[in-house]
Amino acid sequence: MNRWEELWQSGETPWDKGYAAPPLTEFLERGDTVLHRSRRVLVPGCGGGHDVRELARQGIPATGLDLAETAVAAARNYPPVAGEDYVAGDLFDDSWRAGREFDAVWEHTCFCAIDPSMRPAYARAMAEILKPGGFLVGVFYLTPWDPGEESSGPPFETSREEVKGLLAGNFVLREDFVPTRAYPGREGKEWLAVFERVG
C-alpha cells in the first residue's frame, strides 16, 4: 500500500477542500481557453475529483488519475457529470494510458506532491503524454510555507525558473500569471502557467 492510499483510507486529506481549485475556475471563466478546446484533459493526482468535475461541468471531457484507489473511489461517489472518468494508476507507469489520448493536462496537486527528485521524470511523463500542440496548464505552488515555517513536504515548493528549466526542450511557455483566487492561505503563493508541447 502506498502512502497516499494510507492517507485516504485514514481520512487524513487536508488538501481536499471539497471544491475545485479557485485558479482553475478563474482560468475557465476567461472562456475559450486551451482547456476548452481540448478533446480530453488529464488531471494527475486528482484526489476526490473536484477539478475533474469542474472541467466536465464546463463541457470539457476530463480523466482523473490518482495513485490512491480510495481517492478514485471517492471521486466516483459523487453524482456523475457527463464527460468525466477516473483511473487508478501511477503517472510514471504508462500502463494506465493504454487506449487513452490527451490534448491537455491540468496540473494542480501532482507536481507539488512528488519528491523533488522525481521532477525530471514528471517532465518526461508530460512530454510523453502530450503530443506536439498539446498543452500543460498548471498551478505551481511557489511558496507553500509561511516565513519561518519549515517542512520537509509535501507540498514541496518550486520556482518559475525550475519549472521552465524542467520543461525546456519539449515545452514553450505561452502564458502565465499569479491567480487572484486561491484556497485560503494560498493567496499570492501560486503561479498559473500555460506550456505548449512543441516538436
Protein backbone atom coordinates (compact mmCIF):
# COMPACT_ATOMS: atom_id res chain seq x y z
CA MET A 1 0.00 0.00 0.00
CA ASN A 2 1.40 3.42 -0.95
CA ARG A 3 1.48 6.41 1.37
CA TRP A 4 -1.32 8.26 -0.44
CA GLU A 5 -3.60 5.24 -0.19
CA GLU A 6 -2.90 5.07 3.54
CA LEU A 7 -3.78 8.74 3.97
CA TRP A 8 -7.01 8.42 2.01
CA GLN A 9 -8.02 5.32 3.94
CA SER A 10 -7.38 7.07 7.26
CA GLY A 11 -9.20 10.23 6.16
CA GLU A 12 -6.08 12.39 6.55
CA THR A 13 -6.68 14.53 3.48
CA PRO A 14 -6.41 18.21 4.49
CA TRP A 15 -5.63 19.14 0.89
CA ASP A 16 -9.13 18.05 -0.17
CA LYS A 17 -11.14 21.26 0.20
CA GLY A 18 -14.36 19.85 -1.20
CA TYR A 19 -14.45 22.06 -4.30
CA ALA A 20 -12.42 22.80 -7.41
CA ALA A 21 -9.21 24.79 -7.24
CA PRO A 22 -10.11 28.50 -7.43
CA PRO A 23 -7.36 29.19 -10.01
CA LEU A 24 -8.97 26.61 -12.30
CA THR A 25 -12.34 28.33 -12.01
CA GLU A 26 -10.68 31.70 -12.64
CA PHE A 27 -8.91 30.37 -15.74
CA LEU A 28 -12.02 28.72 -17.16
CA GLU A 29 -14.11 31.85 -16.69
CA ARG A 30 -11.94 33.53 -19.32
CA GLY A 31 -13.72 31.35 -21.88
CA ASP A 32 -12.27 29.68 -24.97
CA THR A 33 -9.06 28.63 -23.23
CA VAL A 34 -6.76 25.85 -24.42
CA LEU A 35 -8.65 23.61 -21.99
CA HIS A 36 -11.99 24.47 -23.60
CA ARG A 37 -10.54 23.49 -26.98
CA SER A 38 -9.25 20.12 -25.76
CA ARG A 39 -10.90 16.82 -26.64
CA ARG A 40 -9.81 15.31 -23.30
CA VAL A 41 -7.85 16.70 -20.34
CA LEU A 42 -5.80 14.63 -17.89
CA VAL A 43 -5.85 15.64 -14.22
CA PRO A 44 -2.98 13.79 -12.48
CA GLY A 45 -3.23 13.45 -8.71
CA CYS A 46 -6.96 14.14 -8.99
CA GLY A 47 -7.84 13.11 -5.43
CA GLY A 48 -11.59 13.41 -4.89
CA GLY A 49 -12.06 14.63 -8.45
CA HIS A 50 -13.21 18.20 -7.80
CA ASP A 51 -11.16 19.67 -10.65
CA VAL A 52 -12.23 16.85 -12.99
CA ARG A 53 -15.89 17.57 -12.29
CA GLU A 54 -15.40 21.32 -12.77
CA LEU A 55 -13.88 20.69 -16.19
CA ALA A 56 -16.67 18.28 -17.13
CA ARG A 57 -19.33 20.77 -15.97
CA GLN A 58 -17.79 23.24 -18.41
CA GLY A 59 -18.22 20.71 -21.21
CA ILE A 60 -14.56 19.68 -21.19
CA PRO A 61 -14.07 15.88 -21.08
CA ALA A 62 -11.59 15.06 -18.33
CA THR A 63 -9.89 11.99 -16.86
CA GLY A 64 -8.71 11.95 -13.26
CA LEU A 65 -5.67 9.84 -12.38
CA ASP A 66 -4.64 9.02 -8.83
CA LEU A 67 -2.21 6.65 -7.18
CA ALA A 68 -4.71 6.02 -4.37
CA GLU A 69 -7.57 3.69 -5.28
CA THR A 70 -9.56 5.09 -2.33
CA ALA A 71 -9.29 8.58 -3.82
CA VAL A 72 -10.60 7.31 -7.15
CA ALA A 73 -13.46 5.54 -5.36
CA ALA A 74 -14.27 8.78 -3.52
CA ALA A 75 -14.31 10.70 -6.82
CA ARG A 76 -16.70 8.17 -8.33
CA ASN A 77 -19.03 8.50 -5.31
CA TYR A 78 -20.12 11.99 -6.36
CA PRO A 79 -23.09 12.40 -8.69
CA PRO A 80 -21.67 11.71 -12.16
CA VAL A 81 -21.06 14.51 -14.64
CA ALA A 82 -21.05 13.77 -18.36
CA GLY A 83 -17.51 13.66 -19.72
CA GLU A 84 -15.68 12.73 -16.51
CA ASP A 85 -13.89 9.46 -15.82
CA TYR A 86 -11.29 8.18 -13.39
CA VAL A 87 -8.46 5.68 -13.33
CA ALA A 88 -6.21 4.44 -10.53
CA GLY A 89 -2.60 4.36 -11.63
CA ASP A 90 0.94 5.64 -11.29
CA LEU A 91 1.76 8.62 -13.50
CA PHE A 92 5.24 7.18 -14.04
CA ASP A 93 3.98 3.77 -15.18
CA ASP A 94 2.43 4.20 -18.60
CA SER A 95 0.29 1.03 -18.40
CA TRP A 96 -2.75 3.10 -17.32
CA ARG A 97 -2.50 5.09 -20.58
CA ALA A 98 -3.41 2.19 -22.87
CA GLY A 99 -6.05 3.45 -25.30
CA ARG A 100 -6.10 6.94 -23.80
CA GLU A 101 -5.02 10.17 -25.50
CA PHE A 102 -4.98 13.69 -24.10
CA ASP A 103 -4.80 17.13 -25.67
CA ALA A 104 -4.07 18.85 -22.37
CA VAL A 105 -3.07 18.28 -18.77
CA TRP A 106 -4.43 20.27 -15.86
CA GLU A 107 -1.75 20.23 -13.15
CA HIS A 108 -2.78 21.28 -9.68
CA THR A 109 -1.58 18.97 -6.90
CA CYS A 110 0.61 16.33 -8.51
CA PHE A 111 3.85 18.27 -9.08
CA CYS A 112 3.99 19.65 -5.53
CA ALA A 113 3.23 16.23 -4.02
CA ILE A 114 6.01 14.21 -5.62
CA ASP A 115 9.53 14.19 -4.22
CA PRO A 116 11.58 16.88 -5.99
CA SER A 117 13.98 14.18 -7.18
CA MET A 118 11.11 12.87 -9.36
CA ARG A 119 10.55 16.16 -11.16
CA PRO A 120 12.69 15.31 -14.21
CA ALA A 121 10.63 12.11 -14.55
CA TYR A 122 7.47 14.22 -14.28
CA ALA A 123 8.68 16.45 -17.13
CA ARG A 124 9.41 13.36 -19.27
CA ALA A 125 5.97 11.93 -18.49
CA MET A 126 4.28 15.16 -19.59
CA ALA A 127 6.23 15.11 -22.84
CA GLU A 128 5.17 11.51 -23.46
CA ILE A 129 1.52 12.06 -22.60
CA LEU A 130 1.10 15.17 -24.75
CA LYS A 131 1.74 15.28 -28.47
CA PRO A 132 3.11 18.44 -30.13
CA GLY A 133 0.38 21.06 -29.98
CA GLY A 134 -0.90 19.80 -26.62
CA PHE A 135 -0.91 21.96 -23.50
CA LEU A 136 0.23 21.60 -19.91
CA VAL A 137 -1.75 24.10 -17.83
CA GLY A 138 -0.57 24.13 -14.27
CA VAL A 139 -0.88 25.86 -10.94
CA PHE A 140 2.53 25.52 -9.32
CA TYR A 141 2.96 26.09 -5.60
CA LEU A 142 5.82 28.58 -5.26
CA THR A 143 5.80 29.21 -1.51
CA PRO A 144 3.72 26.70 0.42
CA TRP A 145 5.03 27.73 3.83
CA ASP A 146 4.84 30.98 5.73
CA PRO A 147 8.10 32.79 6.63
CA GLY A 148 9.89 30.92 9.42
CA GLU A 149 7.76 27.83 8.93
CA GLU A 150 9.63 24.69 7.94
CA SER A 151 8.52 21.41 6.46
CA SER A 152 10.05 18.55 4.57
CA GLY A 153 6.90 18.42 2.44
CA PRO A 154 4.74 17.58 0.70
CA PRO A 155 3.77 20.02 -0.57
CA PHE A 156 7.18 20.89 -1.95
CA GLU A 157 7.81 24.39 -3.19
CA THR A 158 9.24 25.27 -6.58
CA SER A 159 10.15 28.34 -8.62
CA ARG A 160 9.21 29.64 -12.03
CA GLU A 161 12.78 29.11 -13.15
CA GLU A 162 12.82 25.47 -12.03
CA VAL A 163 9.56 24.63 -13.81
CA LYS A 164 10.63 26.36 -17.01
CA GLY A 165 14.02 24.63 -16.87
CA LEU A 166 12.48 21.19 -16.36
CA LEU A 167 10.16 21.62 -19.32
CA ALA A 168 12.67 23.32 -21.64
CA GLY A 169 13.21 21.48 -24.90
CA ASN A 170 9.74 19.95 -25.04
CA PHE A 171 7.54 22.85 -23.95
CA VAL A 172 7.28 26.59 -24.59
CA LEU A 173 5.69 28.95 -22.07
CA ARG A 174 2.75 30.69 -23.75
CA GLU A 175 1.09 32.49 -20.84
CA ASP A 176 1.50 32.91 -17.11
CA PHE A 177 0.05 34.88 -14.23
CA VAL A 178 -0.48 34.84 -10.47
CA PRO A 179 -4.13 33.85 -9.89
CA THR A 180 -6.27 36.29 -7.96
CA ARG A 181 -8.31 33.42 -6.49
CA ALA A 182 -6.93 30.75 -4.20
CA TYR A 183 -7.80 28.44 -1.35
CA PRO A 184 -7.48 30.32 1.97
CA GLY A 185 -3.83 30.73 2.87
CA ARG A 186 -2.55 30.26 -0.68
CA GLU A 187 -3.19 33.79 -1.91
CA GLY A 188 -0.23 35.03 -3.95
CA LYS A 189 1.67 31.77 -3.46
CA GLU A 190 0.67 30.10 -6.72
CA TRP A 191 1.72 30.58 -10.34
CA LEU A 192 -0.50 29.55 -13.24
CA ALA A 193 1.40 28.74 -16.41
CA VAL A 194 0.33 27.53 -19.84
CA PHE A 195 3.01 25.48 -21.64
CA GLU A 196 2.64 24.22 -25.20
CA ARG A 197 4.21 20.91 -26.20
CA VAL A 198 6.46 21.54 -29.17
CA GLY A 199 8.13 19.23 -31.72
